[in-house]
Amino acid sequence: MSQFGKNGNLTNLSLIKQKATGSRDKTVRILSTTTDQNLHTFTHHRDAISSLTFRKSPQNQLYSASLDRTVKVWNVDEGTYIETLFGHQDHIPSIDSLSKERCLTSGSRDRTVRLWKIVEE
């Protein structure tokens, strides 16, 4: 689902009690689905956010793709940064994960698709 905000296009996803938005202002925000209260703001990307996907695991994780050619991994429950996935040579317009699988796919404008193995810790 996409919507327009004052900072540009927003990507909006839901996970039961929380939703995430990513914006051209390089931020990812975690919001309460019931009150729309901002719970966490992540500012680690260097360019606009292009795609988001949640993954339920022992910890609820959020993956954010960006025009900065990286995928960031976040712990939604704790509101913390986990790691950065590097490998694409151009913008990443699309990422997806399966809720119970340990992998993430990302498609880039560099004409590659990457399959990332997610290690449970």
N, C-alpha and C. Protein backbone atom coordinates (compact mmCIF):
# COMPACT_ATOMS: atom_id res chain seq x y z
N MET A 1 0.84 -1.16 0.00
CA MET A 1 0.00 0.00 0.00
C MET A 1 0.89 1.23 0.00
N SER A 2 0.63 2.20 -0.85
CA SER A 2 1.41 3.43 -0.89
C SER A 2 0.51 4.62 -0.58
N GLN A 3 1.08 5.64 0.01
CA GLN A 3 0.36 6.87 0.24
C GLN A 3 1.36 8.01 0.11
N PHE A 4 0.87 9.21 -0.06
CA PHE A 4 1.75 10.35 -0.25
C PHE A 4 1.84 11.13 1.05
N GLY A 5 3.03 11.54 1.44
CA GLY A 5 3.24 12.34 2.63
C GLY A 5 3.98 13.61 2.28
N LYS A 6 4.18 14.48 3.25
CA LYS A 6 4.84 15.75 2.97
C LYS A 6 6.31 15.57 2.60
N ASN A 7 6.91 14.44 2.99
CA ASN A 7 8.31 14.18 2.66
C ASN A 7 8.47 13.35 1.40
N GLY A 8 7.38 13.02 0.72
CA GLY A 8 7.45 12.21 -0.49
C GLY A 8 6.68 10.93 -0.35
N ASN A 9 6.92 10.00 -1.26
CA ASN A 9 6.21 8.72 -1.23
C ASN A 9 6.54 7.94 0.02
N LEU A 10 5.53 7.32 0.59
CA LEU A 10 5.71 6.49 1.77
C LEU A 10 5.34 5.06 1.42
N THR A 11 6.08 4.12 1.95
CA THR A 11 5.72 2.72 1.85
C THR A 11 5.16 2.34 3.20
N ASN A 12 4.03 1.67 3.24
CA ASN A 12 3.34 1.41 4.49
C ASN A 12 3.01 -0.07 4.60
N LEU A 13 3.45 -0.72 5.66
CA LEU A 13 3.19 -2.13 5.92
C LEU A 13 2.69 -2.33 7.33
N SER A 14 1.93 -3.39 7.57
CA SER A 14 1.38 -3.67 8.89
C SER A 14 1.85 -4.99 9.45
N LEU A 15 2.01 -5.05 10.74
CA LEU A 15 2.33 -6.26 11.48
C LEU A 15 1.50 -6.22 12.76
N ILE A 16 0.33 -6.84 12.78
CA ILE A 16 -0.60 -6.90 13.90
C ILE A 16 -0.69 -5.60 14.71
N LYS A 17 0.27 -5.34 15.60
CA LYS A 17 0.19 -4.17 16.48
C LYS A 17 1.00 -2.97 15.99
N GLN A 18 1.80 -3.19 14.96
CA GLN A 18 2.66 -2.12 14.49
C GLN A 18 2.64 -2.04 12.97
N LYS A 19 2.92 -0.85 12.46
CA LYS A 19 3.07 -0.68 11.03
C LYS A 19 4.34 0.13 10.80
N ALA A 20 4.85 0.02 9.59
CA ALA A 20 6.10 0.71 9.26
C ALA A 20 5.88 1.59 8.04
N THR A 21 6.53 2.73 8.05
CA THR A 21 6.54 3.61 6.89
C THR A 21 7.99 3.94 6.55
N GLY A 22 8.27 4.00 5.27
CA GLY A 22 9.58 4.41 4.80
C GLY A 22 9.40 5.57 3.85
N SER A 23 10.32 6.51 3.87
CA SER A 23 10.09 7.75 3.15
C SER A 23 11.32 8.22 2.39
N ARG A 24 11.09 9.21 1.54
CA ARG A 24 12.18 9.85 0.81
C ARG A 24 13.12 10.60 1.74
N ASP A 25 12.67 10.88 2.96
CA ASP A 25 13.53 11.60 3.91
C ASP A 25 14.53 10.67 4.60
N LYS A 26 14.67 9.42 4.10
CA LYS A 26 15.65 8.43 4.54
C LYS A 26 15.32 7.80 5.88
N THR A 27 14.10 7.98 6.36
CA THR A 27 13.74 7.41 7.66
C THR A 27 12.74 6.26 7.51
N VAL A 28 12.82 5.37 8.48
CA VAL A 28 11.83 4.31 8.65
C VAL A 28 11.19 4.56 10.01
N ARG A 29 9.87 4.57 10.03
CA ARG A 29 9.16 4.80 11.28
C ARG A 29 8.28 3.60 11.61
N ILE A 30 8.28 3.21 12.87
CA ILE A 30 7.39 2.16 13.37
C ILE A 30 6.29 2.86 14.15
N LEU A 31 5.04 2.59 13.75
CA LEU A 31 3.88 3.24 14.36
C LEU A 31 2.94 2.21 14.96
N SER A 32 2.22 2.61 15.98
CA SER A 32 1.16 1.77 16.55
C SER A 32 0.00 1.73 15.56
N THR A 33 -0.56 0.54 15.30
CA THR A 33 -1.70 0.45 14.38
C THR A 33 -2.98 0.97 15.02
N THR A 34 -3.04 1.02 16.33
CA THR A 34 -4.26 1.48 16.99
C THR A 34 -4.29 2.99 17.22
N THR A 35 -3.12 3.59 17.52
CA THR A 35 -3.10 5.02 17.85
C THR A 35 -2.32 5.87 16.85
N ASP A 36 -1.59 5.24 15.93
CA ASP A 36 -0.69 5.93 15.00
C ASP A 36 0.44 6.67 15.71
N GLN A 37 0.68 6.34 16.98
CA GLN A 37 1.78 6.93 17.72
C GLN A 37 3.11 6.40 17.18
N ASN A 38 4.08 7.30 17.03
CA ASN A 38 5.41 6.91 16.57
C ASN A 38 6.12 6.17 17.70
N LEU A 39 6.49 4.90 17.46
CA LEU A 39 7.16 4.09 18.46
C LEU A 39 8.68 4.12 18.31
N HIS A 40 9.17 4.10 17.08
CA HIS A 40 10.61 4.12 16.80
C HIS A 40 10.84 4.84 15.47
N THR A 41 11.97 5.51 15.36
CA THR A 41 12.40 6.10 14.10
C THR A 41 13.83 5.65 13.84
N PHE A 42 14.05 5.09 12.65
CA PHE A 42 15.38 4.62 12.26
C PHE A 42 15.94 5.54 11.19
N THR A 43 17.19 5.93 11.32
CA THR A 43 17.78 6.91 10.41
C THR A 43 19.10 6.44 9.80
N HIS A 44 19.30 5.16 9.63
CA HIS A 44 20.59 4.63 9.17
C HIS A 44 20.79 4.66 7.64
N HIS A 45 19.73 4.82 6.86
CA HIS A 45 19.88 4.83 5.41
C HIS A 45 20.43 6.17 4.93
N ARG A 46 21.13 6.13 3.78
CA ARG A 46 21.73 7.34 3.21
C ARG A 46 20.93 7.91 2.04
N ASP A 47 19.83 7.21 1.67
CA ASP A 47 18.99 7.68 0.57
C ASP A 47 17.56 7.21 0.85
N ALA A 48 16.64 7.55 -0.03
CA ALA A 48 15.21 7.27 0.16
C ALA A 48 14.94 5.77 0.36
N ILE A 49 13.93 5.48 1.15
CA ILE A 49 13.48 4.10 1.38
C ILE A 49 12.60 3.71 0.21
N SER A 50 12.85 2.52 -0.36
CA SER A 50 12.11 2.09 -1.54
C SER A 50 11.19 0.90 -1.29
N SER A 51 11.47 0.10 -0.25
CA SER A 51 10.64 -1.08 0.01
C SER A 51 10.83 -1.53 1.45
N LEU A 52 9.77 -2.11 2.01
CA LEU A 52 9.79 -2.65 3.37
C LEU A 52 9.12 -4.01 3.39
N THR A 53 9.59 -4.87 4.29
CA THR A 53 8.89 -6.13 4.52
C THR A 53 9.14 -6.58 5.95
N PHE A 54 8.10 -7.13 6.57
CA PHE A 54 8.21 -7.68 7.92
C PHE A 54 8.49 -9.16 7.86
N ARG A 55 9.09 -9.69 8.91
CA ARG A 55 9.27 -11.12 9.08
C ARG A 55 9.07 -11.45 10.55
N LYS A 56 8.08 -12.32 10.81
CA LYS A 56 7.88 -12.78 12.18
C LYS A 56 8.87 -13.89 12.43
N SER A 57 9.61 -13.75 13.47
CA SER A 57 10.59 -14.75 13.89
C SER A 57 10.55 -14.72 15.41
N PRO A 58 11.50 -15.34 16.07
CA PRO A 58 11.50 -15.17 17.52
C PRO A 58 11.44 -13.69 17.90
N GLN A 59 12.05 -12.85 17.07
CA GLN A 59 11.93 -11.40 17.21
C GLN A 59 11.26 -10.89 15.94
N ASN A 60 10.34 -9.97 16.07
CA ASN A 60 9.75 -9.37 14.86
C ASN A 60 10.82 -8.53 14.19
N GLN A 61 11.08 -8.83 12.92
CA GLN A 61 12.10 -8.11 12.19
C GLN A 61 11.48 -7.35 11.03
N LEU A 62 12.09 -6.22 10.71
CA LEU A 62 11.71 -5.41 9.57
C LEU A 62 12.94 -5.27 8.69
N TYR A 63 12.74 -5.41 7.38
CA TYR A 63 13.79 -5.20 6.40
C TYR A 63 13.42 -3.97 5.59
N SER A 64 14.39 -3.09 5.40
CA SER A 64 14.15 -1.90 4.59
C SER A 64 15.18 -1.83 3.47
N ALA A 65 14.69 -1.63 2.25
CA ALA A 65 15.57 -1.45 1.09
C ALA A 65 15.59 0.04 0.76
N SER A 66 16.70 0.45 0.16
CA SER A 66 16.87 1.87 -0.10
C SER A 66 17.52 2.13 -1.45
N LEU A 67 17.40 3.36 -1.88
CA LEU A 67 18.11 3.80 -3.08
C LEU A 67 19.61 3.88 -2.83
N ASP A 68 20.04 3.72 -1.56
CA ASP A 68 21.46 3.71 -1.24
C ASP A 68 22.12 2.35 -1.50
N ARG A 69 21.35 1.41 -2.10
CA ARG A 69 21.84 0.08 -2.52
C ARG A 69 22.04 -0.89 -1.37
N THR A 70 21.42 -0.62 -0.21
CA THR A 70 21.55 -1.52 0.93
C THR A 70 20.19 -1.98 1.42
N VAL A 71 20.21 -3.09 2.16
CA VAL A 71 19.06 -3.57 2.91
C VAL A 71 19.45 -3.53 4.37
N LYS A 72 18.63 -2.92 5.20
CA LYS A 72 18.89 -2.86 6.63
C LYS A 72 17.93 -3.80 7.35
N VAL A 73 18.41 -4.39 8.42
CA VAL A 73 17.61 -5.31 9.23
C VAL A 73 17.41 -4.66 10.60
N TRP A 74 16.13 -4.65 11.04
CA TRP A 74 15.76 -3.98 12.29
C TRP A 74 15.03 -4.95 13.21
N ASN A 75 15.22 -4.81 14.51
CA ASN A 75 14.43 -5.52 15.50
C ASN A 75 13.30 -4.59 15.90
N VAL A 76 12.08 -4.94 15.49
CA VAL A 76 10.92 -4.07 15.73
C VAL A 76 10.55 -4.04 17.21
N ASP A 77 10.64 -5.18 17.89
CA ASP A 77 10.26 -5.25 19.30
C ASP A 77 11.13 -4.34 20.18
N GLU A 78 12.42 -4.32 19.89
CA GLU A 78 13.35 -3.52 20.70
C GLU A 78 13.65 -2.15 20.09
N GLY A 79 13.25 -1.97 18.82
CA GLY A 79 13.51 -0.69 18.16
C GLY A 79 14.98 -0.48 17.88
N THR A 80 15.67 -1.56 17.49
CA THR A 80 17.12 -1.48 17.29
C THR A 80 17.54 -1.92 15.89
N TYR A 81 18.69 -1.42 15.48
CA TYR A 81 19.34 -1.80 14.23
C TYR A 81 20.06 -3.13 14.46
N ILE A 82 19.97 -4.05 13.47
CA ILE A 82 20.67 -5.33 13.58
C ILE A 82 21.88 -5.38 12.65
N GLU A 83 21.66 -5.20 11.34
CA GLU A 83 22.77 -5.26 10.40
C GLU A 83 22.40 -4.66 9.06
N THR A 84 23.42 -4.49 8.21
CA THR A 84 23.26 -4.01 6.84
C THR A 84 23.69 -5.10 5.88
N LEU A 85 22.88 -5.33 4.85
CA LEU A 85 23.19 -6.30 3.80
C LEU A 85 23.67 -5.52 2.58
N PHE A 86 24.91 -5.79 2.16
CA PHE A 86 25.52 -5.14 1.00
C PHE A 86 25.60 -6.14 -0.15
N GLY A 87 25.61 -5.67 -1.38
CA GLY A 87 25.82 -6.55 -2.51
C GLY A 87 25.29 -6.03 -3.83
N HIS A 88 24.26 -5.20 -3.79
CA HIS A 88 23.71 -4.65 -5.03
C HIS A 88 24.52 -3.44 -5.49
N GLN A 89 24.54 -3.25 -6.80
CA GLN A 89 25.29 -2.15 -7.39
C GLN A 89 24.41 -0.99 -7.83
N ASP A 90 23.08 -1.09 -7.62
CA ASP A 90 22.15 -0.03 -8.00
C ASP A 90 20.97 -0.06 -7.03
N HIS A 91 20.03 0.85 -7.22
CA HIS A 91 18.86 0.97 -6.35
C HIS A 91 18.15 -0.38 -6.17
N ILE A 92 17.53 -0.56 -5.01
CA ILE A 92 16.79 -1.79 -4.70
C ILE A 92 15.31 -1.42 -4.57
N PRO A 93 14.52 -1.59 -5.64
CA PRO A 93 13.11 -1.21 -5.56
C PRO A 93 12.22 -2.24 -4.89
N SER A 94 12.73 -3.47 -4.66
CA SER A 94 11.83 -4.50 -4.14
C SER A 94 12.54 -5.49 -3.24
N ILE A 95 11.91 -5.78 -2.09
CA ILE A 95 12.36 -6.85 -1.21
C ILE A 95 11.13 -7.61 -0.72
N ASP A 96 11.34 -8.87 -0.34
CA ASP A 96 10.25 -9.68 0.20
C ASP A 96 10.82 -10.79 1.06
N SER A 97 10.04 -11.23 2.03
CA SER A 97 10.44 -12.35 2.88
C SER A 97 9.22 -13.22 3.15
N LEU A 98 9.49 -14.47 3.42
CA LEU A 98 8.44 -15.38 3.84
C LEU A 98 8.46 -15.40 5.36
N SER A 99 7.29 -15.37 5.99
CA SER A 99 7.22 -15.19 7.43
C SER A 99 7.93 -16.27 8.23
N LYS A 100 7.94 -17.51 7.75
CA LYS A 100 8.57 -18.56 8.54
C LYS A 100 9.87 -19.06 7.93
N GLU A 101 10.27 -18.48 6.82
CA GLU A 101 11.50 -18.90 6.16
C GLU A 101 12.67 -18.07 6.67
N ARG A 102 13.83 -18.57 6.45
CA ARG A 102 15.04 -17.87 6.86
C ARG A 102 15.74 -17.26 5.65
N CYS A 103 14.95 -16.64 4.79
CA CYS A 103 15.56 -16.00 3.63
C CYS A 103 14.80 -14.73 3.26
N LEU A 104 15.50 -13.89 2.56
CA LEU A 104 14.98 -12.61 2.08
C LEU A 104 15.41 -12.49 0.63
N THR A 105 14.53 -11.99 -0.21
CA THR A 105 14.91 -11.74 -1.60
C THR A 105 14.90 -10.23 -1.85
N SER A 106 15.85 -9.80 -2.68
CA SER A 106 15.89 -8.39 -3.06
C SER A 106 16.16 -8.31 -4.56
N GLY A 107 15.44 -7.43 -5.21
CA GLY A 107 15.63 -7.20 -6.64
C GLY A 107 16.12 -5.79 -6.84
N SER A 108 17.13 -5.66 -7.70
CA SER A 108 17.77 -4.37 -7.89
C SER A 108 17.71 -3.91 -9.34
N ARG A 109 17.91 -2.63 -9.52
CA ARG A 109 18.00 -2.07 -10.88
C ARG A 109 19.30 -2.46 -11.56
N ASP A 110 20.20 -3.14 -10.84
CA ASP A 110 21.42 -3.65 -11.47
C ASP A 110 21.16 -4.98 -12.19
N ARG A 111 19.87 -5.34 -12.29
CA ARG A 111 19.40 -6.54 -12.99
C ARG A 111 19.78 -7.84 -12.28
N THR A 112 19.90 -7.76 -10.94
CA THR A 112 20.17 -8.97 -10.17
C THR A 112 19.10 -9.15 -9.11
N VAL A 113 18.90 -10.40 -8.74
CA VAL A 113 18.06 -10.75 -7.60
C VAL A 113 18.96 -11.49 -6.63
N ARG A 114 18.91 -11.10 -5.39
CA ARG A 114 19.73 -11.78 -4.37
C ARG A 114 18.83 -12.50 -3.39
N LEU A 115 19.29 -13.67 -2.97
CA LEU A 115 18.63 -14.45 -1.94
C LEU A 115 19.54 -14.42 -0.74
N TRP A 116 19.05 -13.81 0.34
CA TRP A 116 19.84 -13.64 1.56
C TRP A 116 19.40 -14.68 2.58
N LYS A 117 20.34 -15.40 3.14
CA LYS A 117 20.05 -16.36 4.21
C LYS A 117 20.10 -15.61 5.53
N ILE A 118 19.03 -15.69 6.30
CA ILE A 118 18.94 -15.00 7.58
C ILE A 118 19.25 -16.01 8.69
N VAL A 119 20.28 -15.73 9.44
CA VAL A 119 20.71 -16.62 10.52
C VAL A 119 19.99 -16.22 11.80
N GLU A 120 19.36 -17.18 12.45
CA GLU A 120 18.70 -16.93 13.74
C GLU A 120 19.76 -16.87 14.82
N GLU A 121 19.66 -15.87 15.70
CA GLU A 121 20.63 -15.76 16.80
C GLU A 121 19.95 -15.93 18.12
